[in-house]
Amino acid sequence: MNDLNSQVWAVDALSALAHETRLSVFRMLIQAGPEGHVAGAIAERAGVPQSTMSHHLSTLERAGLVQSERESRLIRYRANYAGMQRLLTFLMQDCCQGAPEMCSDLIAKIRCDTSA
């Protein structure tokens, strides 16, 4: 994919996250792991009406940050880890001016710690 397409996609993904509810939902789904949550539970936990949540989840899905799967009458949403990695890679690809040690503090702060 060329740089222009990557940048257009990154703007869409960042735009999707530039809303308090969508950012909270994305983080909720990241924390939920591969199991994710059904739409109704997401709306309830976020304190948002289901119709409004449907709009937010659709926006995140179109941006490539979440995935959905129908389970009978329910829809389960999961974080799209490949989409998250793609966005983080885009944001960090020009970091450090060719000196990766400049980013070591940032990378050290990113950790999977459930106690935080």
N, C-alpha and C. Protein backbone atom coordinates (compact mmCIF):
# COMPACT_ATOMS: atom_id res chain seq x y z
N MET A 1 0.85 -1.18 0.00
CA MET A 1 0.00 0.00 0.00
C MET A 1 0.90 1.24 0.00
N ASN A 2 0.56 2.23 -0.84
CA ASN A 2 1.42 3.39 -0.89
C ASN A 2 1.17 4.32 0.30
N ASP A 3 2.07 5.28 0.47
CA ASP A 3 2.00 6.16 1.64
C ASP A 3 0.71 6.99 1.69
N LEU A 4 0.23 7.43 0.51
CA LEU A 4 -0.99 8.23 0.49
C LEU A 4 -2.18 7.42 0.98
N ASN A 5 -2.31 6.18 0.51
CA ASN A 5 -3.41 5.33 0.98
C ASN A 5 -3.28 5.05 2.48
N SER A 6 -2.07 4.83 2.95
CA SER A 6 -1.86 4.59 4.38
C SER A 6 -2.26 5.82 5.19
N GLN A 7 -1.93 6.97 4.68
CA GLN A 7 -2.25 8.20 5.41
C GLN A 7 -3.76 8.44 5.43
N VAL A 8 -4.43 8.20 4.31
CA VAL A 8 -5.89 8.36 4.26
C VAL A 8 -6.54 7.39 5.25
N TRP A 9 -6.06 6.14 5.26
CA TRP A 9 -6.62 5.17 6.20
C TRP A 9 -6.36 5.61 7.64
N ALA A 10 -5.15 6.09 7.94
CA ALA A 10 -4.81 6.51 9.30
C ALA A 10 -5.68 7.67 9.75
N VAL A 11 -5.96 8.59 8.87
CA VAL A 11 -6.84 9.71 9.21
C VAL A 11 -8.23 9.19 9.56
N ASP A 12 -8.74 8.23 8.79
CA ASP A 12 -10.05 7.64 9.09
C ASP A 12 -10.04 6.95 10.45
N ALA A 13 -8.98 6.19 10.73
CA ALA A 13 -8.89 5.47 12.00
C ALA A 13 -8.79 6.44 13.17
N LEU A 14 -7.96 7.46 13.03
CA LEU A 14 -7.82 8.45 14.10
C LEU A 14 -9.11 9.24 14.29
N SER A 15 -9.80 9.52 13.20
CA SER A 15 -11.09 10.21 13.28
C SER A 15 -12.11 9.37 14.04
N ALA A 16 -12.09 8.08 13.80
CA ALA A 16 -13.01 7.18 14.52
C ALA A 16 -12.72 7.17 16.01
N LEU A 17 -11.47 7.29 16.37
CA LEU A 17 -11.09 7.28 17.78
C LEU A 17 -11.22 8.65 18.45
N ALA A 18 -11.45 9.69 17.65
CA ALA A 18 -11.50 11.06 18.16
C ALA A 18 -12.88 11.40 18.72
N HIS A 19 -13.45 10.48 19.43
CA HIS A 19 -14.74 10.66 20.09
C HIS A 19 -14.66 9.91 21.41
N GLU A 20 -15.07 10.55 22.48
CA GLU A 20 -14.91 9.98 23.81
C GLU A 20 -15.53 8.58 23.94
N THR A 21 -16.75 8.42 23.43
CA THR A 21 -17.42 7.12 23.54
C THR A 21 -16.69 6.06 22.73
N ARG A 22 -16.34 6.39 21.48
CA ARG A 22 -15.67 5.39 20.63
C ARG A 22 -14.30 5.02 21.18
N LEU A 23 -13.57 5.99 21.70
CA LEU A 23 -12.27 5.68 22.30
C LEU A 23 -12.45 4.76 23.50
N SER A 24 -13.43 5.05 24.33
CA SER A 24 -13.70 4.19 25.50
C SER A 24 -14.09 2.78 25.09
N VAL A 25 -14.92 2.67 24.07
CA VAL A 25 -15.36 1.35 23.59
C VAL A 25 -14.18 0.59 23.00
N PHE A 26 -13.36 1.27 22.22
CA PHE A 26 -12.18 0.62 21.65
C PHE A 26 -11.27 0.09 22.76
N ARG A 27 -11.04 0.88 23.77
CA ARG A 27 -10.19 0.44 24.89
C ARG A 27 -10.85 -0.71 25.65
N MET A 28 -12.18 -0.66 25.79
CA MET A 28 -12.92 -1.74 26.44
C MET A 28 -12.72 -3.05 25.68
N LEU A 29 -12.79 -2.97 24.35
CA LEU A 29 -12.63 -4.18 23.54
C LEU A 29 -11.19 -4.67 23.54
N ILE A 30 -10.24 -3.78 23.60
CA ILE A 30 -8.83 -4.18 23.72
C ILE A 30 -8.65 -4.95 25.02
N GLN A 31 -9.21 -4.44 26.10
CA GLN A 31 -9.09 -5.09 27.41
C GLN A 31 -9.83 -6.42 27.45
N ALA A 32 -10.90 -6.55 26.69
CA ALA A 32 -11.69 -7.78 26.69
C ALA A 32 -10.96 -8.93 26.01
N GLY A 33 -10.00 -8.60 25.16
CA GLY A 33 -9.25 -9.66 24.47
C GLY A 33 -10.07 -10.29 23.36
N PRO A 34 -9.66 -11.48 22.93
CA PRO A 34 -10.29 -12.13 21.78
C PRO A 34 -11.77 -12.45 21.98
N GLU A 35 -12.22 -12.56 23.21
CA GLU A 35 -13.64 -12.86 23.47
C GLU A 35 -14.54 -11.70 23.10
N GLY A 36 -14.08 -10.48 23.29
CA GLY A 36 -14.88 -9.30 22.98
C GLY A 36 -16.11 -9.20 23.85
N HIS A 37 -17.11 -8.47 23.36
CA HIS A 37 -18.38 -8.28 24.07
C HIS A 37 -19.51 -8.21 23.05
N VAL A 38 -20.70 -8.58 23.47
CA VAL A 38 -21.86 -8.40 22.61
C VAL A 38 -22.28 -6.93 22.67
N ALA A 39 -22.93 -6.48 21.61
CA ALA A 39 -23.27 -5.06 21.46
C ALA A 39 -24.06 -4.52 22.65
N GLY A 40 -25.05 -5.26 23.12
CA GLY A 40 -25.86 -4.80 24.24
C GLY A 40 -25.05 -4.57 25.50
N ALA A 41 -24.11 -5.46 25.77
CA ALA A 41 -23.26 -5.32 26.95
C ALA A 41 -22.33 -4.11 26.81
N ILE A 42 -21.86 -3.87 25.61
CA ILE A 42 -21.00 -2.71 25.38
C ILE A 42 -21.79 -1.43 25.66
N ALA A 43 -23.00 -1.36 25.11
CA ALA A 43 -23.85 -0.18 25.32
C ALA A 43 -24.14 0.03 26.80
N GLU A 44 -24.45 -1.06 27.49
CA GLU A 44 -24.76 -0.97 28.92
C GLU A 44 -23.55 -0.50 29.72
N ARG A 45 -22.39 -1.09 29.46
CA ARG A 45 -21.17 -0.70 30.18
C ARG A 45 -20.78 0.74 29.90
N ALA A 46 -21.05 1.21 28.68
CA ALA A 46 -20.69 2.58 28.30
C ALA A 46 -21.76 3.59 28.70
N GLY A 47 -22.95 3.09 29.10
CA GLY A 47 -24.03 3.98 29.48
C GLY A 47 -24.60 4.76 28.30
N VAL A 48 -24.68 4.07 27.15
CA VAL A 48 -25.13 4.71 25.91
C VAL A 48 -26.31 3.89 25.37
N PRO A 49 -27.34 4.54 24.83
CA PRO A 49 -28.43 3.77 24.22
C PRO A 49 -27.91 2.86 23.11
N GLN A 50 -28.58 1.71 22.95
CA GLN A 50 -28.11 0.73 21.97
C GLN A 50 -28.08 1.27 20.55
N SER A 51 -29.04 2.10 20.18
CA SER A 51 -29.05 2.65 18.82
C SER A 51 -27.85 3.57 18.60
N THR A 52 -27.50 4.35 19.59
CA THR A 52 -26.33 5.22 19.50
C THR A 52 -25.06 4.39 19.46
N MET A 53 -25.01 3.34 20.27
CA MET A 53 -23.84 2.48 20.30
C MET A 53 -23.64 1.78 18.96
N SER A 54 -24.73 1.41 18.32
CA SER A 54 -24.64 0.77 17.01
C SER A 54 -23.91 1.68 16.02
N HIS A 55 -24.22 2.96 16.07
CA HIS A 55 -23.54 3.94 15.20
C HIS A 55 -22.05 3.99 15.52
N HIS A 56 -21.71 4.06 16.80
CA HIS A 56 -20.30 4.13 17.20
C HIS A 56 -19.53 2.87 16.78
N LEU A 57 -20.13 1.72 17.00
CA LEU A 57 -19.47 0.46 16.63
C LEU A 57 -19.29 0.35 15.12
N SER A 58 -20.27 0.82 14.37
CA SER A 58 -20.15 0.80 12.90
C SER A 58 -19.01 1.70 12.44
N THR A 59 -18.87 2.83 13.07
CA THR A 59 -17.78 3.76 12.73
C THR A 59 -16.43 3.11 12.99
N LEU A 60 -16.29 2.46 14.14
CA LEU A 60 -15.03 1.78 14.48
C LEU A 60 -14.76 0.62 13.54
N GLU A 61 -15.82 -0.08 13.15
CA GLU A 61 -15.64 -1.21 12.24
C GLU A 61 -15.23 -0.74 10.84
N ARG A 62 -15.87 0.31 10.34
CA ARG A 62 -15.49 0.86 9.03
C ARG A 62 -14.04 1.34 9.03
N ALA A 63 -13.56 1.80 10.17
CA ALA A 63 -12.18 2.28 10.28
C ALA A 63 -11.19 1.13 10.42
N GLY A 64 -11.68 -0.09 10.55
CA GLY A 64 -10.79 -1.25 10.65
C GLY A 64 -10.24 -1.49 12.04
N LEU A 65 -10.90 -0.91 13.06
CA LEU A 65 -10.41 -1.05 14.42
C LEU A 65 -11.16 -2.08 15.24
N VAL A 66 -12.36 -2.45 14.81
CA VAL A 66 -13.10 -3.54 15.47
C VAL A 66 -13.68 -4.45 14.39
N GLN A 67 -14.02 -5.66 14.82
CA GLN A 67 -14.65 -6.64 13.95
C GLN A 67 -15.91 -7.13 14.63
N SER A 68 -16.89 -7.50 13.83
CA SER A 68 -18.13 -8.03 14.40
C SER A 68 -18.40 -9.42 13.85
N GLU A 69 -19.15 -10.17 14.65
CA GLU A 69 -19.55 -11.52 14.26
C GLU A 69 -20.94 -11.77 14.81
N ARG A 70 -21.83 -12.20 13.96
CA ARG A 70 -23.20 -12.49 14.39
C ARG A 70 -23.23 -13.84 15.11
N GLU A 71 -23.88 -13.85 16.26
CA GLU A 71 -24.10 -15.07 17.04
C GLU A 71 -25.59 -15.15 17.29
N SER A 72 -26.28 -15.88 16.44
CA SER A 72 -27.74 -15.96 16.52
C SER A 72 -28.33 -14.55 16.36
N ARG A 73 -28.97 -14.04 17.39
CA ARG A 73 -29.54 -12.70 17.30
C ARG A 73 -28.63 -11.63 17.89
N LEU A 74 -27.49 -12.01 18.37
CA LEU A 74 -26.56 -11.06 18.98
C LEU A 74 -25.41 -10.78 18.02
N ILE A 75 -24.78 -9.63 18.20
CA ILE A 75 -23.57 -9.32 17.44
C ILE A 75 -22.45 -9.12 18.45
N ARG A 76 -21.39 -9.89 18.28
CA ARG A 76 -20.21 -9.80 19.15
C ARG A 76 -19.16 -8.94 18.46
N TYR A 77 -18.62 -8.02 19.22
CA TYR A 77 -17.56 -7.14 18.71
C TYR A 77 -16.25 -7.45 19.41
N ARG A 78 -15.21 -7.44 18.62
CA ARG A 78 -13.85 -7.67 19.11
C ARG A 78 -12.94 -6.59 18.55
N ALA A 79 -11.91 -6.27 19.29
CA ALA A 79 -10.90 -5.36 18.76
C ALA A 79 -10.21 -6.03 17.58
N ASN A 80 -9.93 -5.26 16.56
CA ASN A 80 -9.18 -5.76 15.42
C ASN A 80 -7.72 -5.42 15.70
N TYR A 81 -7.00 -6.38 16.26
CA TYR A 81 -5.62 -6.14 16.66
C TYR A 81 -4.72 -5.83 15.47
N ALA A 82 -5.03 -6.40 14.31
CA ALA A 82 -4.25 -6.10 13.10
C ALA A 82 -4.45 -4.63 12.72
N GLY A 83 -5.67 -4.12 12.84
CA GLY A 83 -5.93 -2.71 12.56
C GLY A 83 -5.23 -1.80 13.54
N MET A 84 -5.25 -2.19 14.82
CA MET A 84 -4.55 -1.39 15.84
C MET A 84 -3.05 -1.38 15.55
N GLN A 85 -2.50 -2.54 15.21
CA GLN A 85 -1.06 -2.62 14.91
C GLN A 85 -0.73 -1.78 13.68
N ARG A 86 -1.60 -1.82 12.69
CA ARG A 86 -1.37 -1.03 11.48
C ARG A 86 -1.33 0.46 11.82
N LEU A 87 -2.25 0.93 12.67
CA LEU A 87 -2.27 2.34 13.05
C LEU A 87 -1.03 2.71 13.86
N LEU A 88 -0.69 1.89 14.82
CA LEU A 88 0.50 2.18 15.63
C LEU A 88 1.77 2.17 14.78
N THR A 89 1.85 1.24 13.85
CA THR A 89 3.00 1.18 12.95
C THR A 89 3.08 2.44 12.11
N PHE A 90 1.94 2.86 11.57
CA PHE A 90 1.91 4.08 10.77
C PHE A 90 2.41 5.27 11.59
N LEU A 91 1.91 5.39 12.82
CA LEU A 91 2.28 6.53 13.67
C LEU A 91 3.76 6.51 14.06
N MET A 92 4.32 5.32 14.20
CA MET A 92 5.69 5.20 14.69
C MET A 92 6.73 4.97 13.61
N GLN A 93 6.32 4.76 12.37
CA GLN A 93 7.28 4.34 11.35
C GLN A 93 8.37 5.37 11.08
N ASP A 94 8.11 6.63 11.28
CA ASP A 94 9.12 7.65 11.03
C ASP A 94 9.75 8.16 12.32
N CYS A 95 9.46 7.47 13.41
CA CYS A 95 9.97 7.87 14.72
C CYS A 95 11.48 7.68 14.80
N CYS A 96 12.08 8.46 15.60
CA CYS A 96 13.45 8.24 16.04
C CYS A 96 14.52 8.69 15.05
N GLN A 97 14.17 9.23 13.94
CA GLN A 97 15.16 9.73 12.98
C GLN A 97 16.26 8.71 12.73
N GLY A 98 15.87 7.45 12.63
CA GLY A 98 16.85 6.40 12.37
C GLY A 98 17.62 5.96 13.60
N ALA A 99 17.24 6.44 14.76
CA ALA A 99 17.91 6.08 16.01
C ALA A 99 16.87 5.48 16.96
N PRO A 100 16.62 4.15 16.88
CA PRO A 100 15.56 3.53 17.67
C PRO A 100 15.69 3.75 19.17
N GLU A 101 16.88 4.00 19.68
CA GLU A 101 17.03 4.20 21.12
C GLU A 101 16.26 5.44 21.60
N MET A 102 15.96 6.36 20.67
CA MET A 102 15.18 7.54 21.04
C MET A 102 13.77 7.17 21.47
N CYS A 103 13.26 6.05 20.99
CA CYS A 103 11.89 5.62 21.30
C CYS A 103 11.85 4.57 22.40
N SER A 104 12.97 4.20 22.95
CA SER A 104 12.99 3.10 23.93
C SER A 104 12.13 3.41 25.15
N ASP A 105 12.11 4.66 25.62
CA ASP A 105 11.27 5.00 26.77
C ASP A 105 9.80 4.81 26.45
N LEU A 106 9.40 5.20 25.25
CA LEU A 106 8.00 5.03 24.83
C LEU A 106 7.64 3.56 24.76
N ILE A 107 8.47 2.79 24.14
CA ILE A 107 8.21 1.36 23.98
C ILE A 107 8.19 0.67 25.34
N ALA A 108 9.04 1.10 26.25
CA ALA A 108 9.07 0.51 27.59
C ALA A 108 7.77 0.77 28.36
N LYS A 109 7.08 1.88 28.05
CA LYS A 109 5.83 2.21 28.74
C LYS A 109 4.66 1.40 28.23
N ILE A 110 4.79 0.81 27.05
CA ILE A 110 3.73 0.00 26.49
C ILE A 110 3.92 -1.42 26.98
N ARG A 111 3.00 -1.88 27.79
CA ARG A 111 3.12 -3.23 28.34
C ARG A 111 1.73 -3.78 28.60
N CYS A 112 1.65 -5.06 28.57
CA CYS A 112 0.38 -5.72 28.89
C CYS A 112 0.39 -6.04 30.37
N ASP A 113 -0.23 -5.19 31.15
CA ASP A 113 -0.25 -5.34 32.60
C ASP A 113 -1.69 -5.15 33.07
N THR A 114 -2.32 -6.22 33.49
CA THR A 114 -3.72 -6.13 33.92
C THR A 114 -3.89 -5.46 35.27
N SER A 115 -2.80 -5.23 35.99
CA SER A 115 -2.92 -4.60 37.31
C SER A 115 -2.96 -3.09 37.21
N ALA A 116 -2.66 -2.53 36.05
CA ALA A 116 -2.60 -1.07 35.90
C ALA A 116 -3.96 -0.46 35.85
